[in-house]
Protein backbone atom coordinates (compact mmCIF):
# COMPACT_ATOMS: atom_id res chain seq x y z
CA UNK A 1 38.07 12.25 168.29
CA UNK A 2 35.21 10.25 170.19
CA UNK A 3 34.07 10.33 173.72
CA UNK A 4 33.07 7.19 175.78
CA UNK A 5 29.49 7.82 175.14
CA UNK A 6 30.22 7.60 171.24
CA UNK A 7 29.85 11.31 170.66
CA UNK A 8 32.70 13.14 168.37
CA UNK A 9 34.54 15.73 170.31
CA UNK A 10 35.90 17.06 167.02
CA UNK A 11 35.09 16.03 163.23
CA UNK A 12 37.76 14.48 161.22
CA UNK A 13 39.20 16.69 158.35
CA UNK A 14 37.76 15.42 155.03
CA UNK A 15 36.07 16.82 152.13
CA UNK A 16 32.76 15.27 153.28
CA UNK A 17 30.93 14.95 156.61
CA UNK A 18 31.41 11.42 158.45
CA UNK A 19 28.57 10.45 160.77
CA UNK A 20 28.09 7.57 163.10
CA UNK A 21 25.11 5.16 162.32
CA UNK A 22 23.30 6.26 165.59
CA UNK A 23 23.39 9.72 163.89
CA UNK A 24 21.62 8.69 160.79
CA UNK A 25 17.98 9.26 160.50
CA UNK A 26 15.80 6.23 160.16
CA UNK A 27 15.50 6.30 156.22
CA UNK A 28 19.26 6.54 155.92
CA UNK A 29 19.68 3.66 158.45
CA UNK A 30 17.51 1.47 156.46
CA UNK A 31 19.30 2.27 153.13
CA UNK A 32 22.73 1.48 154.87
CA UNK A 33 21.31 -1.99 156.27
CA UNK A 34 20.10 -2.91 152.76
CA UNK A 35 23.41 -2.10 151.10
CA UNK A 36 25.31 -4.05 153.61
CA UNK A 37 23.00 -7.06 153.00
CA UNK A 38 23.63 -6.80 149.44
CA UNK A 39 27.26 -6.79 149.70
CA UNK A 40 27.22 -9.89 151.99
CA UNK A 41 24.84 -11.45 149.32
CA UNK A 42 27.46 -10.71 146.73
CA UNK A 43 30.46 -11.80 148.85
CA UNK A 44 28.87 -15.28 149.47
CA UNK A 45 27.14 -15.69 145.92
CA UNK A 46 29.89 -14.68 143.58
CA UNK A 47 32.40 -17.30 144.61
CA UNK A 48 29.70 -19.88 144.55
CA UNK A 49 28.78 -18.99 140.81
CA UNK A 50 32.42 -19.27 139.84
CA UNK A 51 32.78 -22.62 141.59
CA UNK A 52 29.51 -23.91 140.08
CA UNK A 53 30.56 -22.77 136.49
CA UNK A 54 33.92 -24.69 136.89
CA UNK A 55 32.18 -27.67 138.43
CA UNK A 56 29.63 -27.61 135.30
CA UNK A 57 32.42 -27.23 132.82
CA UNK A 58 34.54 -30.07 134.47
CA UNK A 59 31.53 -32.27 134.62
CA UNK A 60 30.94 -31.77 130.56
CA UNK A 61 34.70 -32.28 129.90
CA UNK A 62 34.29 -35.58 131.86
CA UNK A 63 30.93 -36.46 130.02
CA UNK A 64 29.46 -36.65 133.33
CA UNK A 65 26.13 -34.84 132.42
CA UNK A 66 25.81 -36.55 129.00
CA UNK A 67 25.34 -35.01 125.60
CA UNK A 68 22.33 -34.64 123.38
CA UNK A 69 21.17 -37.37 121.34
CA UNK A 70 23.41 -37.38 118.20
CA UNK A 71 22.14 -36.79 114.71
CA UNK A 72 21.94 -39.71 112.59
CA UNK A 73 23.83 -39.23 109.24
CA UNK A 74 23.82 -41.89 106.70
CA UNK A 75 27.39 -43.02 105.58
CA UNK A 76 28.42 -42.20 102.00
CA UNK A 77 30.98 -44.96 100.71
CA UNK A 78 32.34 -46.03 97.33
CA UNK A 79 29.92 -48.79 96.05
CA UNK A 80 31.03 -52.39 94.95
CA UNK A 81 31.89 -52.73 91.37
CA UNK A 82 28.68 -53.58 89.18
CA UNK A 83 30.20 -56.78 87.89
CA UNK A 84 31.25 -58.13 91.42
CA UNK A 85 27.97 -59.91 92.10
CA UNK A 86 25.35 -61.78 90.40
CA UNK A 87 21.55 -60.87 90.05
CA UNK A 88 18.91 -63.09 89.99
CA UNK A 89 15.97 -61.42 88.03
CA UNK A 90 12.46 -62.25 88.29
CA UNK A 91 9.13 -60.73 87.11
CA UNK A 92 5.83 -60.92 89.36
CA UNK A 93 3.86 -58.74 87.13
CA UNK A 94 1.79 -59.52 83.96
CA UNK A 95 4.04 -57.91 81.41
CA UNK A 96 5.26 -60.45 79.17
CA UNK A 97 9.17 -60.47 78.59
CA UNK A 98 9.78 -57.73 81.20
CA UNK A 99 12.40 -59.61 82.79
CA UNK A 100 14.40 -60.27 79.82
CA UNK A 101 14.12 -56.65 78.76
CA UNK A 102 15.40 -55.22 82.10
CA UNK A 103 18.09 -57.86 82.12
CA UNK A 104 19.49 -56.58 78.98
CA UNK A 105 19.46 -53.18 80.23
CA UNK A 106 21.17 -53.88 83.60
CA UNK A 107 23.77 -55.86 81.51
CA UNK A 108 24.54 -52.92 79.28
CA UNK A 109 25.10 -51.02 82.42
CA UNK A 110 27.90 -53.34 83.72
CA UNK A 111 25.70 -55.67 86.04
CA UNK A 112 25.89 -59.48 85.95
CA UNK A 113 22.70 -60.91 85.57
CA UNK A 114 22.22 -64.85 86.05
CA UNK A 115 19.02 -66.51 86.17
CA UNK A 116 15.96 -64.62 84.56
CA UNK A 117 12.51 -65.53 84.54
CA UNK A 118 9.08 -65.33 86.38
CA UNK A 119 8.46 -65.44 90.04
CA UNK A 120 6.11 -68.04 91.79
CA UNK A 121 2.33 -67.47 91.55
CA UNK A 122 2.44 -66.83 95.19
CA UNK A 123 4.96 -63.96 95.02
CA UNK A 124 3.01 -60.42 94.90
CA UNK A 125 5.20 -57.38 94.78
CA UNK A 126 2.61 -54.16 94.73
CA UNK A 127 5.42 -51.57 94.28
CA UNK A 128 8.46 -51.10 91.75
CA UNK A 129 10.48 -54.12 92.89
CA UNK A 130 11.80 -55.83 95.88
CA UNK A 131 15.54 -56.47 96.39
CA UNK A 132 16.49 -59.46 98.53
CA UNK A 133 19.71 -59.67 99.99
CA UNK A 134 21.93 -61.11 102.85
CA UNK A 135 24.16 -59.40 105.23
CA UNK A 136 27.20 -59.69 102.72
CA UNK A 137 24.97 -58.43 99.91
CA UNK A 138 23.63 -55.30 101.66
CA UNK A 139 25.93 -52.88 99.66
CA UNK A 140 25.26 -54.68 96.56
CA UNK A 141 21.41 -54.43 97.23
CA UNK A 142 21.78 -50.84 97.72
CA UNK A 143 23.67 -50.18 94.55
CA UNK A 144 21.02 -52.12 92.65
CA UNK A 145 18.28 -50.17 94.22
CA UNK A 146 19.66 -46.94 92.76
CA UNK A 147 18.83 -48.56 89.29
CA UNK A 148 15.14 -49.26 89.90
CA UNK A 149 13.12 -45.91 91.35
CA UNK A 150 10.98 -46.92 94.00
CA UNK A 151 12.28 -50.29 94.84
CA UNK A 152 12.51 -51.69 98.51
CA UNK A 153 15.31 -53.66 100.14
CA UNK A 154 14.35 -56.83 102.05
CA UNK A 155 17.02 -58.47 104.14
CA UNK A 156 16.20 -62.23 104.12
CA UNK A 157 19.19 -63.62 105.62
CA UNK A 158 20.52 -65.33 102.51
CA UNK A 159 24.13 -66.43 102.22
CA UNK A 160 26.70 -64.85 99.97
CA UNK A 161 26.92 -61.56 98.27
CA UNK A 162 24.34 -62.11 95.36
CA UNK A 163 21.05 -60.50 95.44
CA UNK A 164 17.46 -61.31 93.89
CA UNK A 165 15.60 -58.57 92.19
CA UNK A 166 11.72 -59.30 91.95
CA UNK A 167 10.03 -56.67 89.65
CA UNK A 168 6.64 -55.69 90.90
CA UNK A 169 3.30 -54.17 89.47
CA UNK A 170 4.48 -50.67 90.21
CA UNK A 171 7.50 -51.08 88.15
CA UNK A 172 7.83 -48.30 85.60
CA UNK A 173 11.56 -48.06 84.27
CA UNK A 174 15.15 -47.97 85.06
CA UNK A 175 16.49 -44.54 86.23
CA UNK A 176 17.78 -42.31 83.55
CA UNK A 177 21.66 -43.05 83.05
CA UNK A 178 24.15 -41.62 80.33
CA UNK A 179 24.32 -44.48 77.83
CA UNK A 180 27.90 -45.82 77.52
CA UNK A 181 29.70 -45.66 74.09
CA UNK A 182 30.02 -48.99 72.12
CA UNK A 183 32.57 -51.35 73.21
CA UNK A 184 36.16 -50.88 72.09
CA UNK A 185 37.46 -53.33 69.44
CA UNK A 186 39.43 -55.33 72.42
CA UNK A 187 36.02 -56.02 73.92
CA UNK A 188 34.63 -57.48 70.56
CA UNK A 189 34.75 -60.96 69.25
CA UNK A 190 34.16 -61.20 65.33
CA UNK A 191 33.80 -64.28 63.36
CA UNK A 192 34.52 -63.78 59.63
CA UNK A 193 32.61 -65.73 56.83
CA UNK A 194 33.34 -65.67 53.18
CA UNK A 195 30.50 -65.88 50.67
CA UNK A 196 32.68 -65.02 47.51
CA UNK A 197 35.18 -67.23 45.35
CA UNK A 198 38.24 -65.36 46.69
CA UNK A 199 39.93 -68.12 48.86
CA UNK A 200 41.18 -67.27 52.11
CA UNK A 201 39.72 -64.19 52.17
CA UNK A 202 37.86 -64.60 55.45
CA UNK A 203 41.31 -65.54 57.16
CA UNK A 204 42.93 -62.39 55.74
CA UNK A 205 40.31 -60.13 56.92
CA UNK A 206 40.04 -61.69 60.39
CA UNK A 207 43.96 -61.15 60.69
CA UNK A 208 43.26 -57.45 59.67
CA UNK A 209 40.76 -57.04 62.25
CA UNK A 210 43.10 -58.61 64.86
CA UNK A 211 45.69 -55.97 64.10
CA UNK A 212 43.08 -53.42 64.56
CA UNK A 213 42.50 -54.84 68.13
CA UNK A 214 39.39 -57.07 67.61
CA UNK A 215 39.31 -60.61 69.21
CA UNK A 216 39.40 -63.22 66.23
CA UNK A 217 36.51 -65.64 66.26
CA UNK A 218 35.63 -68.52 63.73
CA UNK A 219 36.65 -68.04 59.91
CA UNK A 220 35.50 -70.00 56.81
CA UNK A 221 32.60 -70.04 54.43
CA UNK A 222 29.54 -68.68 55.78
CA UNK A 223 27.74 -71.37 57.47
CA UNK A 224 24.28 -70.23 56.46
CA UNK A 225 25.28 -70.40 52.94
CA UNK A 226 24.27 -66.75 52.02
CA UNK A 227 25.31 -65.43 48.63
CA UNK A 228 26.00 -61.69 48.46
CA UNK A 229 26.70 -60.55 44.81
CA UNK A 230 25.69 -56.92 45.16
CA UNK A 231 26.65 -56.46 48.95
CA UNK A 232 30.01 -55.29 50.59
CA UNK A 233 29.22 -57.19 53.70
CA UNK A 234 26.73 -58.03 56.24
CA UNK A 235 27.25 -57.69 60.03
CA UNK A 236 24.96 -60.30 61.89
CA UNK A 237 24.44 -59.79 65.58
CA UNK A 238 21.97 -60.68 68.42
CA UNK A 239 20.14 -58.55 70.78
CA UNK A 240 23.20 -58.24 72.97
CA UNK A 241 25.67 -57.52 70.30
CA UNK A 242 23.98 -54.45 68.88
CA UNK A 243 26.52 -52.02 70.26
CA UNK A 244 29.57 -54.23 69.22
CA UNK A 245 28.02 -54.30 65.54
CA UNK A 246 27.74 -50.42 65.57
CA UNK A 247 31.63 -50.42 66.35
CA UNK A 248 32.46 -52.85 63.62
CA UNK A 249 30.57 -50.64 61.22
CA UNK A 250 32.91 -47.94 61.73
CA UNK A 251 35.47 -50.33 60.01
CA UNK A 252 33.57 -51.66 56.97
CA UNK A 253 31.98 -49.09 54.70
CA UNK A 254 28.40 -49.89 53.30
CA UNK A 255 28.05 -52.88 55.43
CA UNK A 256 24.44 -54.07 56.27
CA UNK A 257 23.57 -54.49 60.10
CA UNK A 258 21.22 -57.52 60.37
CA UNK A 259 19.87 -58.47 63.77
CA UNK A 260 19.31 -62.15 64.45
CA UNK A 261 16.46 -62.42 67.25
CA UNK A 262 17.27 -65.75 68.68
CA UNK A 263 21.19 -65.34 68.84
CA UNK A 264 22.63 -65.20 72.32
CA UNK A 265 25.75 -63.41 73.33
CA UNK A 266 27.61 -60.43 72.49
CA UNK A 267 29.99 -61.76 69.64
CA UNK A 268 29.21 -60.64 66.16
CA UNK A 269 30.04 -62.17 62.39
CA UNK A 270 31.13 -60.22 59.36
CA UNK A 271 29.87 -61.99 56.40
CA UNK A 272 31.90 -60.70 53.09
CA UNK A 273 29.98 -60.12 49.96
CA UNK A 274 31.41 -59.90 46.34
CA UNK A 275 31.76 -56.14 46.60
CA UNK A 276 34.04 -56.01 49.63
CA UNK A 277 37.32 -54.20 48.91
CA UNK A 278 38.86 -53.82 52.10
CA UNK A 279 38.37 -52.21 55.60
CA UNK A 280 38.30 -48.31 56.24
CA UNK A 281 42.00 -47.07 56.40
CA UNK A 282 43.52 -46.92 59.73
CA UNK A 283 44.07 -43.09 59.55
CA UNK A 284 40.19 -42.77 58.98
CA UNK A 285 39.31 -44.68 62.09
CA UNK A 286 39.82 -42.95 65.52
CA UNK A 287 41.47 -44.87 68.27
CA UNK A 288 39.13 -46.18 70.94
CA UNK A 289 39.83 -47.21 74.44
CA UNK A 290 37.74 -49.41 76.46
CA UNK A 291 35.05 -47.30 78.64
CA UNK A 292 35.75 -46.95 82.15
CA UNK A 293 32.72 -46.36 84.40
CA UNK A 294 33.18 -43.82 87.24
CA UNK A 295 32.83 -45.36 90.57
CA UNK A 296 29.51 -45.49 91.94
CA UNK A 297 28.75 -44.41 95.52
CA UNK A 298 26.03 -45.58 97.96
CA UNK A 299 24.46 -44.52 101.32
CA UNK A 300 24.55 -46.81 104.08
CA UNK A 301 21.67 -46.43 106.55
CA UNK A 302 22.81 -44.69 109.77
CA UNK A 303 23.08 -46.46 113.20
CA UNK A 304 23.19 -44.72 116.47
CA UNK A 305 24.44 -47.65 118.37
């Protein structure tokens, strides 16, 4: 127990010795004071840290502290159909016939090309091409841009969804793309002409072709007055009808394919010669369905607003 002066009259029973502060040596007093200060700091600081952490978490949940700048990612979407808009195609470089050649290639790929010609003399495109479009034609222009490597888009505020493609001095070629198969019979118009003395032959063959799925065109005697005593048939076509002619050739053995340079359109002629004996049997020609092009995709430029 303790006296009034703070001295112990007897020591408490314990497994260790208990001393009062004033009994400690100076070094022990300093160590004890240091430990008490550290406990006080921990007592005051730890709740503060817990409170601060909770405050920060709440602020983030309420978006009060803001977030880092979002990453801008382009939006990948299904592109418009290739035949849903019209392309005006102009050539600004010195290569003769380039616009016409590119036009045919784009049409073979399913695009619709309207006006084709040369750009004004004051139009100069150094790169591969420039594609002009308005707000409604942005996606169409992005789709066309995929076909012309190195081409640039230019929003000129034009109305409507149609676009203008101006080929430049840096133009090389369209991008590589798997060539679609020849059109199906249901996509081909065939005019049948007779050069023989067998009356009604042209109409009979036209009816047979219609049964095979072809679209019937004109029938009658050959308007060019051709005489083919030693030929089975001639398939006449223009530059745009080459693939259709190739398809018809599967139905007529030993036909001769003849391209007519100044012929326009995809329709073709079957001109029957004296050696014609009939179409290839149905069982020997595989059934063909129209080609369905897989959907295209484009990437819209990202916006952070």
